[in-house]
Amino acid sequence: MYKAGSWAKPEKVIVKVEVSEQGTNIRYIVTNLAEFKAKALYEKGYCARVCHGTQNKRA
């Protein structure tokens, strides 16, 4: 949980770090969806949204 000075309450922060030969890839998600586990929220929510947006750009 993290609370910025201007936020009314703390929010869940999910961090994914990948390190490969190409370099380091760090992703942050800040959410108020407390009922979801971090992995499910990242894979089913964030990744699905990003992949869907990428597919739309290719069309």
PDB file of N, CA and C in Angstrom:
ATOM      1  N   MET A   1       0.846  -1.170   0.000  1.00  0.00           N
ATOM      2  CA  MET A   1       0.000   0.000   0.000  1.00  0.00           C
ATOM      3  C   MET A   1       0.897   1.241   0.000  1.00  0.00           C
ATOM      4  N   TYR A   2       0.395   2.273  -0.675  1.00  0.00           N
ATOM      5  CA  TYR A   2       1.139   3.527  -0.750  1.00  0.00           C
ATOM      6  C   TYR A   2       0.142   4.672  -0.710  1.00  0.00           C
ATOM      7  N   LYS A   3       0.513   5.748  -0.045  1.00  0.00           N
ATOM      8  CA  LYS A   3      -0.344   6.931  -0.005  1.00  0.00           C
ATOM      9  C   LYS A   3       0.494   8.157  -0.321  1.00  0.00           C
ATOM     10  N   ALA A   4       0.235   8.740  -1.469  1.00  0.00           N
ATOM     11  CA  ALA A   4       0.870  10.008  -1.822  1.00  0.00           C
ATOM     12  C   ALA A   4       0.248  11.103  -0.963  1.00  0.00           C
ATOM     13  N   GLY A   5       0.958  12.178  -0.789  1.00  0.00           N
ATOM     14  CA  GLY A   5       0.478  13.258   0.056  1.00  0.00           C
ATOM     15  C   GLY A   5      -0.885  13.809  -0.341  1.00  0.00           C
ATOM     16  N   SER A   6      -1.185  13.813  -1.631  1.00  0.00           N
ATOM     17  CA  SER A   6      -2.447  14.385  -2.099  1.00  0.00           C
ATOM     18  C   SER A   6      -3.589  13.368  -2.155  1.00  0.00           C
ATOM     19  N   TRP A   7      -3.314  12.097  -1.902  1.00  0.00           N
ATOM     20  CA  TRP A   7      -4.350  11.065  -1.974  1.00  0.00           C
ATOM     21  C   TRP A   7      -5.135  11.001  -0.676  1.00  0.00           C
ATOM     22  N   ALA A   8      -6.426  10.711  -0.781  1.00  0.00           N
ATOM     23  CA  ALA A   8      -7.276  10.615   0.403  1.00  0.00           C
ATOM     24  C   ALA A   8      -6.969   9.366   1.229  1.00  0.00           C
ATOM     25  N   LYS A   9      -6.573   8.271   0.573  1.00  0.00           N
ATOM     26  CA  LYS A   9      -6.297   7.020   1.293  1.00  0.00           C
ATOM     27  C   LYS A   9      -5.210   6.231   0.565  1.00  0.00           C
ATOM     28  N   PRO A  10      -4.623   5.247   1.233  1.00  0.00           N
ATOM     29  CA  PRO A  10      -3.600   4.426   0.576  1.00  0.00           C
ATOM     30  C   PRO A  10      -4.197   3.581  -0.547  1.00  0.00           C
ATOM     31  N   GLU A  11      -3.399   3.317  -1.556  1.00  0.00           N
ATOM     32  CA  GLU A  11      -3.815   2.486  -2.685  1.00  0.00           C
ATOM     33  C   GLU A  11      -2.827   1.339  -2.854  1.00  0.00           C
ATOM     34  N   LYS A  12      -3.296   0.255  -3.464  1.00  0.00           N
ATOM     35  CA  LYS A  12      -2.436  -0.893  -3.741  1.00  0.00           C
ATOM     36  C   LYS A  12      -1.503  -0.548  -4.895  1.00  0.00           C
ATOM     37  N   VAL A  13      -0.221  -0.884  -4.739  1.00  0.00           N
ATOM     38  CA  VAL A  13       0.766  -0.680  -5.795  1.00  0.00           C
ATOM     39  C   VAL A  13       1.326  -2.047  -6.173  1.00  0.00           C
ATOM     40  N   ILE A  14       1.284  -2.360  -7.461  1.00  0.00           N
ATOM     41  CA  ILE A  14       1.823  -3.611  -7.985  1.00  0.00           C
ATOM     42  C   ILE A  14       3.040  -3.251  -8.825  1.00  0.00           C
ATOM     43  N   VAL A  15       4.137  -3.940  -8.575  1.00  0.00           N
ATOM     44  CA  VAL A  15       5.372  -3.689  -9.314  1.00  0.00           C
ATOM     45  C   VAL A  15       5.818  -4.987  -9.969  1.00  0.00           C
ATOM     46  N   LYS A  16       6.141  -4.917 -11.258  1.00  0.00           N
ATOM     47  CA  LYS A  16       6.706  -6.065 -11.965  1.00  0.00           C
ATOM     48  C   LYS A  16       8.041  -5.618 -12.546  1.00  0.00           C
ATOM     49  N   VAL A  17       9.087  -6.381 -12.237  1.00  0.00           N
ATOM     50  CA  VAL A  17      10.429  -6.060 -12.721  1.00  0.00           C
ATOM     51  C   VAL A  17      10.933  -7.235 -13.539  1.00  0.00           C
ATOM     52  N   GLU A  18      11.367  -6.955 -14.757  1.00  0.00           N
ATOM     53  CA  GLU A  18      11.973  -7.962 -15.619  1.00  0.00           C
ATOM     54  C   GLU A  18      13.375  -7.487 -15.980  1.00  0.00           C
ATOM     55  N   VAL A  19      14.343  -8.397 -15.890  1.00  0.00           N
ATOM     56  CA  VAL A  19      15.713  -8.086 -16.275  1.00  0.00           C
ATOM     57  C   VAL A  19      16.126  -9.090 -17.339  1.00  0.00           C
ATOM     58  N   SER A  20      16.582  -8.579 -18.480  1.00  0.00           N
ATOM     59  CA  SER A  20      17.004  -9.448 -19.575  1.00  0.00           C
ATOM     60  C   SER A  20      18.232  -8.841 -20.243  1.00  0.00           C
ATOM     61  N   GLU A  21      18.675  -9.481 -21.296  1.00  0.00           N
ATOM     62  CA  GLU A  21      19.816  -8.957 -22.049  1.00  0.00           C
ATOM     63  C   GLU A  21      19.519  -7.583 -22.639  1.00  0.00           C
ATOM     64  N   GLN A  22      18.257  -7.298 -22.909  1.00  0.00           N
ATOM     65  CA  GLN A  22      17.865  -6.004 -23.467  1.00  0.00           C
ATOM     66  C   GLN A  22      17.839  -4.899 -22.415  1.00  0.00           C
ATOM     67  N   GLY A  23      17.869  -5.267 -21.144  1.00  0.00           N
ATOM     68  CA  GLY A  23      17.856  -4.268 -20.086  1.00  0.00           C
ATOM     69  C   GLY A  23      16.816  -4.576 -19.028  1.00  0.00           C
ATOM     70  N   THR A  24      16.507  -3.578 -18.236  1.00  0.00           N
ATOM     71  CA  THR A  24      15.552  -3.716 -17.146  1.00  0.00           C
ATOM     72  C   THR A  24      14.230  -3.084 -17.549  1.00  0.00           C
ATOM     73  N   ASN A  25      13.133  -3.789 -17.269  1.00  0.00           N
ATOM     74  CA  ASN A  25      11.794  -3.316 -17.590  1.00  0.00           C
ATOM     75  C   ASN A  25      11.004  -3.295 -16.281  1.00  0.00           C
ATOM     76  N   ILE A  26      10.650  -2.090 -15.821  1.00  0.00           N
ATOM     77  CA  ILE A  26       9.922  -1.942 -14.562  1.00  0.00           C
ATOM     78  C   ILE A  26       8.545  -1.370 -14.867  1.00  0.00           C
ATOM     79  N   ARG A  27       7.510  -2.032 -14.332  1.00  0.00           N
ATOM     80  CA  ARG A  27       6.133  -1.564 -14.529  1.00  0.00           C
ATOM     81  C   ARG A  27       5.467  -1.386 -13.174  1.00  0.00           C
ATOM     82  N   TYR A  28       4.696  -0.316 -13.038  1.00  0.00           N
ATOM     83  CA  TYR A  28       3.961  -0.034 -11.816  1.00  0.00           C
ATOM     84  C   TYR A  28       2.487   0.101 -12.154  1.00  0.00           C
ATOM     85  N   ILE A  29       1.649  -0.449 -11.296  1.00  0.00           N
ATOM     86  CA  ILE A  29       0.208  -0.254 -11.408  1.00  0.00           C
ATOM     87  C   ILE A  29      -0.266   0.223 -10.041  1.00  0.00           C
ATOM     88  N   VAL A  30      -1.033   1.286 -10.015  1.00  0.00           N
ATOM     89  CA  VAL A  30      -1.643   1.775  -8.782  1.00  0.00           C
ATOM     90  C   VAL A  30      -3.140   1.594  -8.945  1.00  0.00           C
ATOM     91  N   THR A  31      -3.772   0.931  -7.974  1.00  0.00           N
ATOM     92  CA  THR A  31      -5.191   0.616  -8.110  1.00  0.00           C
ATOM     93  C   THR A  31      -5.914   0.708  -6.773  1.00  0.00           C
ATOM     94  N   ASN A  32      -7.206   0.911  -6.846  1.00  0.00           N
ATOM     95  CA  ASN A  32      -8.045   0.854  -5.653  1.00  0.00           C
ATOM     96  C   ASN A  32      -8.886  -0.423  -5.650  1.00  0.00           C
ATOM     97  N   LEU A  33      -8.575  -1.373  -6.524  1.00  0.00           N
ATOM     98  CA  LEU A  33      -9.298  -2.638  -6.603  1.00  0.00           C
ATOM     99  C   LEU A  33      -8.706  -3.631  -5.606  1.00  0.00           C
ATOM    100  N   ALA A  34      -9.025  -3.470  -4.344  1.00  0.00           N
ATOM    101  CA  ALA A  34      -8.432  -4.269  -3.269  1.00  0.00           C
ATOM    102  C   ALA A  34      -8.888  -5.723  -3.290  1.00  0.00           C
ATOM    103  N   GLU A  35     -10.019  -6.021  -3.917  1.00  0.00           N
ATOM    104  CA  GLU A  35     -10.557  -7.379  -3.877  1.00  0.00           C
ATOM    105  C   GLU A  35      -9.812  -8.354  -4.793  1.00  0.00           C
ATOM    106  N   PHE A  36      -8.944  -7.852  -5.660  1.00  0.00           N
ATOM    107  CA  PHE A  36      -8.212  -8.706  -6.589  1.00  0.00           C
ATOM    108  C   PHE A  36      -6.789  -8.938  -6.106  1.00  0.00           C
ATOM    109  N   LYS A  37      -6.283 -10.156  -6.333  1.00  0.00           N
ATOM    110  CA  LYS A  37      -4.877 -10.445  -6.036  1.00  0.00           C
ATOM    111  C   LYS A  37      -4.016  -9.769  -7.094  1.00  0.00           C
ATOM    112  N   ALA A  38      -2.806  -9.417  -6.713  1.00  0.00           N
ATOM    113  CA  ALA A  38      -1.913  -8.661  -7.596  1.00  0.00           C
ATOM    114  C   ALA A  38      -1.676  -9.363  -8.927  1.00  0.00           C
ATOM    115  N   LYS A  39      -1.373 -10.657  -8.907  1.00  0.00           N
ATOM    116  CA  LYS A  39      -1.073 -11.386 -10.141  1.00  0.00           C
ATOM    117  C   LYS A  39      -2.277 -11.396 -11.076  1.00  0.00           C
ATOM    118  N   ALA A  40      -3.459 -11.667 -10.549  1.00  0.00           N
ATOM    119  CA  ALA A  40      -4.665 -11.697 -11.373  1.00  0.00           C
ATOM    120  C   ALA A  40      -4.960 -10.319 -11.954  1.00  0.00           C
ATOM    121  N   LEU A  41      -4.816  -9.298 -11.154  1.00  0.00           N
ATOM    122  CA  LEU A  41      -5.077  -7.937 -11.627  1.00  0.00           C
ATOM    123  C   LEU A  41      -4.115  -7.564 -12.743  1.00  0.00           C
ATOM    124  N   TYR A  42      -2.843  -7.907 -12.575  1.00  0.00           N
ATOM    125  CA  TYR A  42      -1.843  -7.587 -13.594  1.00  0.00           C
ATOM    126  C   TYR A  42      -2.109  -8.359 -14.885  1.00  0.00           C
ATOM    127  N   GLU A  43      -2.284  -9.683 -14.769  1.00  0.00           N
ATOM    128  CA  GLU A  43      -2.422 -10.523 -15.961  1.00  0.00           C
ATOM    129  C   GLU A  43      -3.773 -10.368 -16.646  1.00  0.00           C
ATOM    130  N   LYS A  44      -4.843 -10.336 -15.886  1.00  0.00           N
ATOM    131  CA  LYS A  44      -6.191 -10.292 -16.473  1.00  0.00           C
ATOM    132  C   LYS A  44      -6.656  -8.872 -16.776  1.00  0.00           C
ATOM    133  N   GLY A  45      -6.156  -7.905 -16.036  1.00  0.00           N
ATOM    134  CA  GLY A  45      -6.571  -6.523 -16.236  1.00  0.00           C
ATOM    135  C   GLY A  45      -5.599  -5.738 -17.084  1.00  0.00           C
ATOM    136  N   TYR A  46      -4.434  -5.480 -16.525  1.00  0.00           N
ATOM    137  CA  TYR A  46      -3.452  -4.633 -17.200  1.00  0.00           C
ATOM    138  C   TYR A  46      -2.959  -5.249 -18.504  1.00  0.00           C
ATOM    139  N   CYS A  47      -2.483  -6.499 -18.454  1.00  0.00           N
ATOM    140  CA  CYS A  47      -1.940  -7.131 -19.665  1.00  0.00           C
ATOM    141  C   CYS A  47      -3.008  -7.274 -20.740  1.00  0.00           C
ATOM    142  N   ALA A  48      -4.203  -7.643 -20.349  1.00  0.00           N
ATOM    143  CA  ALA A  48      -5.289  -7.788 -21.321  1.00  0.00           C
ATOM    144  C   ALA A  48      -5.595  -6.445 -21.980  1.00  0.00           C
ATOM    145  N   ARG A  49      -5.593  -5.375 -21.208  1.00  0.00           N
ATOM    146  CA  ARG A  49      -5.871  -4.041 -21.752  1.00  0.00           C
ATOM    147  C   ARG A  49      -4.770  -3.613 -22.709  1.00  0.00           C
ATOM    148  N   VAL A  50      -3.523  -3.832 -22.322  1.00  0.00           N
ATOM    149  CA  VAL A  50      -2.392  -3.444 -23.166  1.00  0.00           C
ATOM    150  C   VAL A  50      -2.384  -4.262 -24.449  1.00  0.00           C
ATOM    151  N   CYS A  51      -2.577  -5.577 -24.338  1.00  0.00           N
ATOM    152  CA  CYS A  51      -2.586  -6.437 -25.529  1.00  0.00           C
ATOM    153  C   CYS A  51      -3.732  -6.060 -26.455  1.00  0.00           C
ATOM    154  N   HIS A  52      -4.890  -5.756 -25.898  1.00  0.00           N
ATOM    155  CA  HIS A  52      -6.040  -5.363 -26.710  1.00  0.00           C
ATOM    156  C   HIS A  52      -5.741  -4.060 -27.445  1.00  0.00           C
ATOM    157  N   GLY A  53      -5.134  -3.112 -26.769  1.00  0.00           N
ATOM    158  CA  GLY A  53      -4.776  -1.841 -27.396  1.00  0.00           C
ATOM    159  C   GLY A  53      -3.759  -2.026 -28.500  1.00  0.00           C
ATOM    160  N   THR A  54      -2.812  -2.932 -28.308  1.00  0.00           N
ATOM    161  CA  THR A  54      -1.798  -3.216 -29.323  1.00  0.00           C
ATOM    162  C   THR A  54      -2.438  -3.839 -30.551  1.00  0.00           C
ATOM    163  N   GLN A  55      -3.385  -4.747 -30.345  1.00  0.00           N
ATOM    164  CA  GLN A  55      -4.066  -5.389 -31.467  1.00  0.00           C
ATOM    165  C   GLN A  55      -4.856  -4.365 -32.268  1.00  0.00           C
ATOM    166  N   ASN A  56      -5.470  -3.409 -31.585  1.00  0.00           N
ATOM    167  CA  ASN A  56      -6.232  -2.385 -32.295  1.00  0.00           C
ATOM    168  C   ASN A  56      -5.330  -1.532 -33.176  1.00  0.00           C
ATOM    169  N   LYS A  57      -4.110  -1.254 -32.730  1.00  0.00           N
ATOM    170  CA  LYS A  57      -3.186  -0.424 -33.504  1.00  0.00           C
ATOM    171  C   LYS A  57      -2.689  -1.147 -34.749  1.00  0.00           C
ATOM    172  N   ARG A  58      -2.619  -2.485 -34.692  1.00  0.00           N
ATOM    173  CA  ARG A  58      -2.130  -3.266 -35.826  1.00  0.00           C
ATOM    174  C   ARG A  58      -3.162  -3.369 -36.938  1.00  0.00           C
ATOM    175  N   ALA A  59      -4.420  -3.246 -36.604  1.00  0.00           N
ATOM    176  CA  ALA A  59      -5.496  -3.436 -37.595  1.00  0.00           C
ATOM    177  C   ALA A  59      -5.553  -2.300 -38.589  1.00  0.00           C
TER     178      ALA A  59
END
